[in-house]
């Protein structure tokens, strides 16, 4: 059977037979016990959640709750991530991260016991696939069958998350956004949370969390997102940049850029700035200043490369969706707050770009420090629960 025949096989096979065969295979496997999804839990929902957004340089934490469209942030804070403990969204030094979690629980006297992790990694595989219209537990079974046709990985070592983003009735297909997580990454998060007596509640991809934020009538910079048919997001992370587009609140496109050798953080280090000073620079740097290129040549070079990558992905989306216009792109993330960055990228991408400055509706308690929502947007979005 050649590659084309193999990929079409799901449409030429009996779906009931596929479902039954894979269910039998699945039932013979040993369960890992690593459960982050709250979908099938029975019992009282937690009143509060603690959300951890762990980057390679800093970790953002919020404690809050989401109910009936209203979000309440009780506590929010940022602390330094131990050097060398994280890489590309994965924990590489469990001891250091466990010590950081113990410090957080003790010093901030966390009362919330259910934890949400928001993470992004180039090791997470995101795909749009089309499958026959099936329901309930059969969806994951058919998704697994389809992924096995063209992903050169052992799916037994991965966990699958999915969203039904569209249904094409006339062709009897449904479009699914699928994320495939390495089991080993999930297991380290799970084990560390359990070690500090936190209950793993959910693991969120930022783009999926943002989808929920849009769908639940949120406003960014006082504009209701659900009234805009196509919007983009640029998440300026520490080691990666995520470029994504949502159409009618569904995930339409997402690409992850590994900054690797041309991170803005590394550029600042090469220019002589210490790690502790890098995040302070966003308040003093302005990439639109005439002296910027002269005083920060390494950073200017890095920024040009990054802007070129972002422009390439946005242009790809335009070419493949010529009937859609991206109305606004929202920029967020710690380094994304450097002055003039939104305007600089807007000139390159040729699409309106705004830094995320406000998100509503959010109620904050006195212990919350959400004065720069752009840094906390992934954590805030991950607080939104579909069940309300």
Protein backbone atom coordinates (compact mmCIF):
# COMPACT_ATOMS: atom_id res chain seq x y z
CA UNK A 1 0.00 0.00 0.00
CA UNK A 2 1.54 3.35 -1.01
CA UNK A 3 1.42 6.53 1.09
CA UNK A 4 -1.62 7.98 -0.68
CA UNK A 5 -3.63 4.79 -0.30
CA UNK A 6 -2.65 4.56 3.35
CA UNK A 7 -3.84 8.09 4.10
CA UNK A 8 -7.18 7.47 2.41
CA UNK A 9 -7.74 4.18 4.20
CA UNK A 10 -9.95 5.67 6.91
CA UNK A 11 -12.48 6.68 4.27
CA UNK A 12 -12.40 3.24 2.67
CA UNK A 13 -12.78 1.27 5.91
CA UNK A 14 -15.68 0.37 8.13
CA UNK A 15 -15.62 2.93 10.99
CA UNK A 16 -17.30 0.57 13.45
CA UNK A 17 -14.66 -2.05 12.77
CA UNK A 18 -11.85 0.49 13.28
CA UNK A 19 -13.36 1.71 16.55
CA UNK A 20 -13.81 -1.78 17.93
CA UNK A 21 -10.30 -2.92 16.97
CA UNK A 22 -8.58 0.08 18.52
CA UNK A 23 -10.72 -0.06 21.67
CA UNK A 24 -9.62 -3.66 22.19
CA UNK A 25 -5.99 -2.67 21.66
CA UNK A 26 -6.32 0.24 24.08
CA UNK A 27 -7.91 -1.92 26.78
CA UNK A 28 -4.84 -4.18 26.83
CA UNK A 29 -2.47 -1.31 27.68
CA UNK A 30 -1.30 -0.33 31.14
CA UNK A 31 -2.68 3.03 32.21
CA UNK A 32 -0.05 5.62 33.06
CA UNK A 33 -2.13 7.29 35.75
CA UNK A 34 -1.12 10.74 34.48
CA UNK A 35 -4.47 12.51 34.36
CA UNK A 36 -4.69 16.24 33.71
CA UNK A 37 -8.05 16.50 31.98
CA UNK A 38 -11.10 17.32 34.14
CA UNK A 39 -13.59 16.25 31.46
CA UNK A 40 -14.67 12.97 33.00
CA UNK A 41 -14.33 13.83 36.66
CA UNK A 42 -17.34 13.31 38.89
CA UNK A 43 -17.90 15.35 42.01
CA UNK A 44 -17.76 18.93 43.19
CA UNK A 45 -15.77 21.32 41.06
CA UNK A 46 -12.94 23.15 42.85
CA UNK A 47 -13.79 26.65 44.03
CA UNK A 48 -10.33 28.01 43.21
CA UNK A 49 -7.54 27.04 40.87
CA UNK A 50 -3.84 27.86 40.95
CA UNK A 51 -2.32 28.32 37.50
CA UNK A 52 1.41 27.95 36.79
CA UNK A 53 2.98 29.40 33.64
CA UNK A 54 6.59 28.22 33.85
CA UNK A 55 9.08 29.84 31.49
CA UNK A 56 12.81 29.32 31.18
CA UNK A 57 13.50 32.66 32.94
CA UNK A 58 10.40 33.52 34.98
CA UNK A 59 7.36 31.73 36.36
CA UNK A 60 3.96 33.42 36.55
CA UNK A 61 1.39 32.22 39.07
CA UNK A 62 -2.22 33.23 39.58
CA UNK A 63 -4.87 31.99 42.00
CA UNK A 64 -8.48 32.59 41.07
CA UNK A 65 -11.76 31.23 39.87
CA UNK A 66 -14.04 31.44 36.86
CA UNK A 67 -17.80 31.21 37.19
CA UNK A 68 -20.65 32.11 34.85
CA UNK A 69 -18.50 34.29 32.63
CA UNK A 70 -16.83 36.19 35.48
CA UNK A 71 -13.16 35.83 36.37
CA UNK A 72 -11.79 36.66 39.81
CA UNK A 73 -8.03 36.86 40.39
CA UNK A 74 -7.22 36.48 44.08
CA UNK A 75 -3.42 36.42 43.91
CA UNK A 76 -0.83 36.85 41.17
CA UNK A 77 2.95 36.98 41.30
CA UNK A 78 6.12 36.33 39.33
CA UNK A 79 9.36 34.75 40.44
CA UNK A 80 12.59 33.64 38.79
CA UNK A 81 12.67 30.14 37.34
CA UNK A 82 15.81 28.26 38.49
CA UNK A 83 18.54 28.52 35.87
CA UNK A 84 18.83 25.37 33.75
CA UNK A 85 15.60 23.80 35.02
CA UNK A 86 13.40 24.30 31.92
CA UNK A 87 13.98 23.84 28.20
CA UNK A 88 11.42 24.17 25.42
CA UNK A 89 8.47 23.79 27.79
CA UNK A 90 9.84 20.65 29.42
CA UNK A 91 11.25 20.23 32.93
CA UNK A 92 14.88 19.15 32.68
CA UNK A 93 15.79 19.45 36.38
CA UNK A 94 12.95 18.07 38.51
CA UNK A 95 14.72 18.80 41.79
CA UNK A 96 15.03 22.55 41.10
CA UNK A 97 11.41 22.86 39.92
CA UNK A 98 10.15 20.85 42.90
CA UNK A 99 12.04 23.19 45.24
CA UNK A 100 10.49 26.19 43.50
CA UNK A 101 7.00 24.73 43.89
CA UNK A 102 7.63 24.01 47.57
CA UNK A 103 8.78 27.61 48.01
CA UNK A 104 5.63 28.91 46.29
CA UNK A 105 3.26 26.79 48.37
CA UNK A 106 5.00 27.74 51.63
CA UNK A 107 5.78 31.42 51.14
CA UNK A 108 2.53 32.38 49.44
CA UNK A 109 0.42 30.12 51.68
CA UNK A 110 -1.56 28.68 48.80
CA UNK A 111 -4.96 27.40 49.82
CA UNK A 112 -6.06 26.36 46.34
CA UNK A 113 -5.27 22.67 45.90
CA UNK A 114 -6.17 22.10 42.24
CA UNK A 115 -3.41 23.10 39.82
CA UNK A 116 -3.46 24.07 36.16
CA UNK A 117 -0.28 24.04 34.08
CA UNK A 118 -0.02 26.15 30.93
CA UNK A 119 2.81 25.14 28.64
CA UNK A 120 4.01 25.33 25.06
CA UNK A 121 6.71 23.29 23.40
CA UNK A 122 7.98 22.42 19.95
CA UNK A 123 7.70 18.82 21.13
CA UNK A 124 3.89 19.12 21.16
CA UNK A 125 2.53 18.20 17.74
CA UNK A 126 -0.46 20.28 16.57
CA UNK A 127 -2.47 19.16 13.56
CA UNK A 128 -5.73 19.90 11.78
CA UNK A 129 -7.29 16.67 10.57
CA UNK A 130 -10.59 15.67 8.97
CA UNK A 131 -12.39 12.53 10.09
CA UNK A 132 -15.82 11.00 9.52
CA UNK A 133 -18.54 12.36 11.83
CA UNK A 134 -18.53 10.21 14.97
CA UNK A 135 -19.50 11.02 18.53
CA UNK A 136 -18.42 10.55 22.13
CA UNK A 137 -15.54 8.20 22.91
CA UNK A 138 -15.35 7.11 19.28
CA UNK A 139 -13.83 10.48 18.27
CA UNK A 140 -10.51 9.87 20.03
CA UNK A 141 -10.35 6.34 18.68
CA UNK A 142 -10.79 7.49 15.09
CA UNK A 143 -8.35 10.39 15.64
CA UNK A 144 -5.75 7.93 16.88
CA UNK A 145 -6.28 5.73 13.83
CA UNK A 146 -5.85 8.68 11.47
CA UNK A 147 -2.73 10.00 13.26
CA UNK A 148 -1.11 6.58 13.02
CA UNK A 149 -1.26 6.84 9.23
CA UNK A 150 1.19 9.69 8.88
CA UNK A 151 2.92 10.55 12.18
CA UNK A 152 6.26 8.70 12.51
CA UNK A 153 5.94 8.30 16.28
CA UNK A 154 4.79 5.67 18.73
CA UNK A 155 1.44 7.05 19.89
CA UNK A 156 1.61 4.84 22.99
CA UNK A 157 4.19 7.33 24.30
CA UNK A 158 1.92 10.34 23.78
CA UNK A 159 -1.36 11.74 25.05
CA UNK A 160 -3.91 13.16 22.63
CA UNK A 161 -6.06 16.24 23.21
CA UNK A 162 -8.53 17.47 20.61
CA UNK A 163 -11.17 20.09 19.76
CA UNK A 164 -13.93 19.77 17.19
CA UNK A 165 -13.47 23.05 15.33
CA UNK A 166 -15.81 22.63 12.37
CA UNK A 167 -18.28 20.23 10.78
CA UNK A 168 -18.60 19.88 7.02
CA UNK A 169 -21.94 18.13 6.72
CA UNK A 170 -22.11 17.95 2.94
CA UNK A 171 -18.91 15.92 2.88
CA UNK A 172 -19.72 14.02 6.06
CA UNK A 173 -16.50 15.21 7.69
CA UNK A 174 -15.58 17.02 10.88
CA UNK A 175 -12.49 19.14 11.31
CA UNK A 176 -10.49 18.42 14.47
CA UNK A 177 -7.66 20.41 16.05
CA UNK A 178 -5.39 17.80 17.63
CA UNK A 179 -2.50 18.24 20.07
CA UNK A 180 -0.20 15.30 20.78
CA UNK A 181 1.75 15.62 24.06
CA UNK A 182 4.83 13.53 24.94
CA UNK A 183 3.89 11.42 27.95
CA UNK A 184 7.27 12.01 29.60
CA UNK A 185 6.68 15.80 29.73
CA UNK A 186 3.25 15.40 31.30
CA UNK A 187 4.56 12.86 33.80
CA UNK A 188 7.20 15.23 35.24
CA UNK A 189 4.64 18.00 35.76
CA UNK A 190 2.24 15.52 37.32
CA UNK A 191 4.78 14.05 39.72
CA UNK A 192 6.02 17.44 40.94
CA UNK A 193 2.50 18.69 41.61
CA UNK A 194 1.67 15.56 43.58
CA UNK A 195 4.92 15.93 45.54
CA UNK A 196 3.78 19.30 46.92
CA UNK A 197 0.23 18.04 47.59
CA UNK A 198 -1.36 19.82 44.63
CA UNK A 199 -3.99 18.01 42.58
CA UNK A 200 -3.20 18.09 38.81
CA UNK A 201 -6.42 19.47 37.35
CA UNK A 202 -5.67 20.51 33.79
CA UNK A 203 -2.84 21.12 31.34
CA UNK A 204 -3.51 23.92 28.85
CA UNK A 205 -1.99 24.91 25.55
CA UNK A 206 -2.06 28.72 25.31
CA UNK A 207 -3.86 28.74 21.97
CA UNK A 208 -6.59 26.46 23.32
CA UNK A 209 -6.94 28.59 26.46
CA UNK A 210 -7.21 31.75 24.34
CA UNK A 211 -9.97 30.11 22.32
CA UNK A 212 -12.00 29.73 25.51
CA UNK A 213 -11.30 33.34 26.45
CA UNK A 214 -12.63 34.50 23.07
CA UNK A 215 -15.65 32.20 23.22
CA UNK A 216 -16.62 33.50 26.67
CA UNK A 217 -17.18 37.09 25.56
CA UNK A 218 -13.90 38.54 26.80
CA UNK A 219 -12.73 41.98 25.73
CA UNK A 220 -9.13 42.81 24.87
CA UNK A 221 -8.30 46.51 25.10
CA UNK A 222 -12.04 47.18 25.51
CA UNK A 223 -12.96 45.45 22.22
CA UNK A 224 -15.24 42.38 22.29
CA UNK A 225 -13.33 39.58 20.57
CA UNK A 226 -16.42 37.63 19.59
CA UNK A 227 -17.47 40.46 17.27
CA UNK A 228 -14.25 40.08 15.25
CA UNK A 229 -14.36 37.16 12.84
CA UNK A 230 -10.59 36.69 12.37
CA UNK A 231 -7.91 37.70 14.88
CA UNK A 232 -4.27 36.77 15.39
CA UNK A 233 -2.07 36.27 18.43
CA UNK A 234 1.69 36.58 18.88
CA UNK A 235 2.89 35.07 22.14
CA UNK A 236 6.42 36.40 22.69
CA UNK A 237 7.75 33.70 24.99
CA UNK A 238 11.27 33.32 26.29
CA UNK A 239 12.44 30.50 24.04
CA UNK A 240 9.57 30.30 21.56
CA UNK A 241 7.14 32.57 19.76
CA UNK A 242 3.69 31.23 19.00
CA UNK A 243 1.88 32.73 16.01
CA UNK A 244 -1.78 31.76 15.74
CA UNK A 245 -5.01 32.83 14.08
CA UNK A 246 -8.59 32.29 15.24
CA UNK A 247 -11.59 32.50 12.95
CA UNK A 248 -15.05 32.77 14.53
CA UNK A 249 -13.39 31.79 17.86
CA UNK A 250 -12.07 28.52 16.40
CA UNK A 251 -8.36 27.71 16.04
CA UNK A 252 -7.61 28.25 12.36
CA UNK A 253 -3.81 28.29 12.29
CA UNK A 254 -0.91 27.95 14.72
CA UNK A 255 2.86 27.77 14.31
CA UNK A 256 5.63 27.73 16.89
CA UNK A 257 8.88 29.55 16.19
CA UNK A 258 11.94 28.31 18.08
CA UNK A 259 14.04 31.39 18.78
CA UNK A 260 17.12 29.27 19.54
CA UNK A 261 20.21 31.29 18.68
CA UNK A 262 18.45 34.60 18.08
CA UNK A 263 16.41 35.13 21.24
CA UNK A 264 16.16 38.74 22.37
CA UNK A 265 17.19 37.58 25.83
CA UNK A 266 20.41 36.03 24.52
CA UNK A 267 21.06 39.14 22.48
CA UNK A 268 20.85 41.29 25.60
CA UNK A 269 23.18 38.91 27.44
CA UNK A 270 25.70 39.15 24.60
CA UNK A 271 25.46 42.93 24.89
CA UNK A 272 26.47 42.68 28.54
CA UNK A 273 23.18 42.73 30.44
CA UNK A 274 22.74 40.39 33.41
CA UNK A 275 19.83 37.97 33.61
CA UNK A 276 18.11 39.94 36.38
CA UNK A 277 18.19 43.13 34.29
CA UNK A 278 16.72 41.73 31.08
CA UNK A 279 13.06 42.11 32.03
CA UNK A 280 13.71 45.60 33.32
CA UNK A 281 14.96 46.57 29.88
CA UNK A 282 11.48 46.40 28.39
CA UNK A 283 10.69 49.60 30.27
CA UNK A 284 13.68 51.52 28.91
CA UNK A 285 14.25 50.10 25.43
CA UNK A 286 12.32 51.42 22.44
CA UNK A 287 12.95 49.57 19.19
CA UNK A 288 11.68 52.57 17.21
CA UNK A 289 14.36 54.92 18.58
CA UNK A 290 16.89 56.06 15.99
CA UNK A 291 19.73 54.99 18.30
CA UNK A 292 18.37 51.46 18.85
CA UNK A 293 20.20 49.78 15.96
CA UNK A 294 23.48 51.48 16.89
CA UNK A 295 23.34 50.77 20.63
CA UNK A 296 21.86 47.25 20.32
CA UNK A 297 23.12 45.75 17.04
CA UNK A 298 22.83 42.11 18.18
CA UNK A 299 19.29 42.64 19.41
CA UNK A 300 18.33 44.49 16.20
CA UNK A 301 19.61 41.55 14.15
CA UNK A 302 17.63 39.09 16.29
CA UNK A 303 14.51 41.21 16.03
CA UNK A 304 14.77 41.38 12.24
CA UNK A 305 15.02 37.59 12.05
CA UNK A 306 12.04 37.10 14.33
CA UNK A 307 9.93 39.64 12.43
CA UNK A 308 10.77 37.86 9.18
CA UNK A 309 9.61 34.52 10.57
CA UNK A 310 6.35 36.01 11.85
CA UNK A 311 5.70 37.73 8.50
CA UNK A 312 6.32 34.44 6.67
CA UNK A 313 3.66 32.60 8.70
CA UNK A 314 1.09 35.39 8.44
CA UNK A 315 1.63 35.54 4.68
CA UNK A 316 1.21 31.77 4.47
CA UNK A 317 -2.14 32.10 6.24
CA UNK A 318 -3.21 34.85 3.85
CA UNK A 319 -2.25 32.78 0.81
CA UNK A 320 -4.23 29.75 1.99
CA UNK A 321 -7.24 31.76 3.21
CA UNK A 322 -7.62 34.48 0.62
CA UNK A 323 -11.24 35.15 1.55
CA UNK A 324 -10.32 36.11 5.13
CA UNK A 325 -8.80 39.31 6.50
CA UNK A 326 -7.04 39.33 9.85
CA UNK A 327 -8.68 42.28 11.57
CA UNK A 328 -6.24 42.57 14.49
CA UNK A 329 -3.21 40.78 15.89
CA UNK A 330 -2.68 40.90 19.64
CA UNK A 331 0.86 40.84 21.03
CA UNK A 332 1.62 39.58 24.52
CA UNK A 333 4.33 37.95 26.64
CA UNK A 334 7.08 39.41 28.84
CA UNK A 335 9.55 40.48 26.16
CA UNK A 336 6.63 41.43 23.93
CA UNK A 337 6.17 44.50 26.13
CA UNK A 338 9.33 46.18 24.88
CA UNK A 339 8.33 49.67 23.77
CA UNK A 340 7.66 50.07 20.09
CA UNK A 341 7.68 46.31 19.35
CA UNK A 342 4.01 46.16 18.32
CA UNK A 343 4.46 49.08 15.92
CA UNK A 344 7.69 47.60 14.55
CA UNK A 345 6.04 44.25 13.82
CA UNK A 346 3.00 45.99 12.36
CA UNK A 347 5.23 47.64 9.75
CA UNK A 348 6.67 44.25 8.75
CA UNK A 349 3.48 42.16 8.85
CA UNK A 350 1.27 44.93 7.40
CA UNK A 351 -1.60 44.11 9.76
CA UNK A 352 -2.80 46.13 12.78
CA UNK A 353 -1.00 44.91 15.93
CA UNK A 354 -1.74 45.92 19.52
CA UNK A 355 -0.08 45.02 22.80
CA UNK A 356 -2.59 43.39 25.17
CA UNK A 357 -3.15 45.99 27.90
CA UNK A 358 -6.55 45.10 29.39
CA UNK A 359 -8.73 42.01 29.64
CA UNK A 360 -12.32 42.21 30.84
CA UNK A 361 -14.24 41.08 32.76
CA UNK A 362 -11.70 40.46 35.52
CA UNK A 363 -12.11 41.24 39.19
CA UNK A 364 -8.92 41.52 41.24
CA UNK A 365 -8.29 41.29 44.97
CA UNK A 366 -5.74 43.49 46.70
CA UNK A 367 -3.04 40.79 46.58
CA UNK A 368 -3.18 40.59 42.82
CA UNK A 369 -0.44 42.33 40.84
CA UNK A 370 -1.92 42.12 37.35
CA UNK A 371 -0.67 45.52 36.28
CA UNK A 372 0.91 44.00 33.16
CA UNK A 373 -1.70 41.62 31.82
CA UNK A 374 0.45 40.94 28.74
CA UNK A 375 2.78 38.83 30.91
CA UNK A 376 -0.05 36.87 32.52
CA UNK A 377 -2.38 36.32 29.56
CA UNK A 378 -1.62 32.59 29.19
CA UNK A 379 -2.24 32.02 32.89
CA UNK A 380 -5.41 34.14 32.91
CA UNK A 381 -6.79 32.37 29.83
CA UNK A 382 -6.06 28.99 31.40
CA UNK A 383 -8.27 29.91 34.34
CA UNK A 384 -11.35 29.94 32.09
CA UNK A 385 -13.36 26.74 32.46
CA UNK A 386 -15.76 25.63 29.76
CA UNK A 387 -18.20 24.39 32.39
CA UNK A 388 -18.47 27.91 33.90
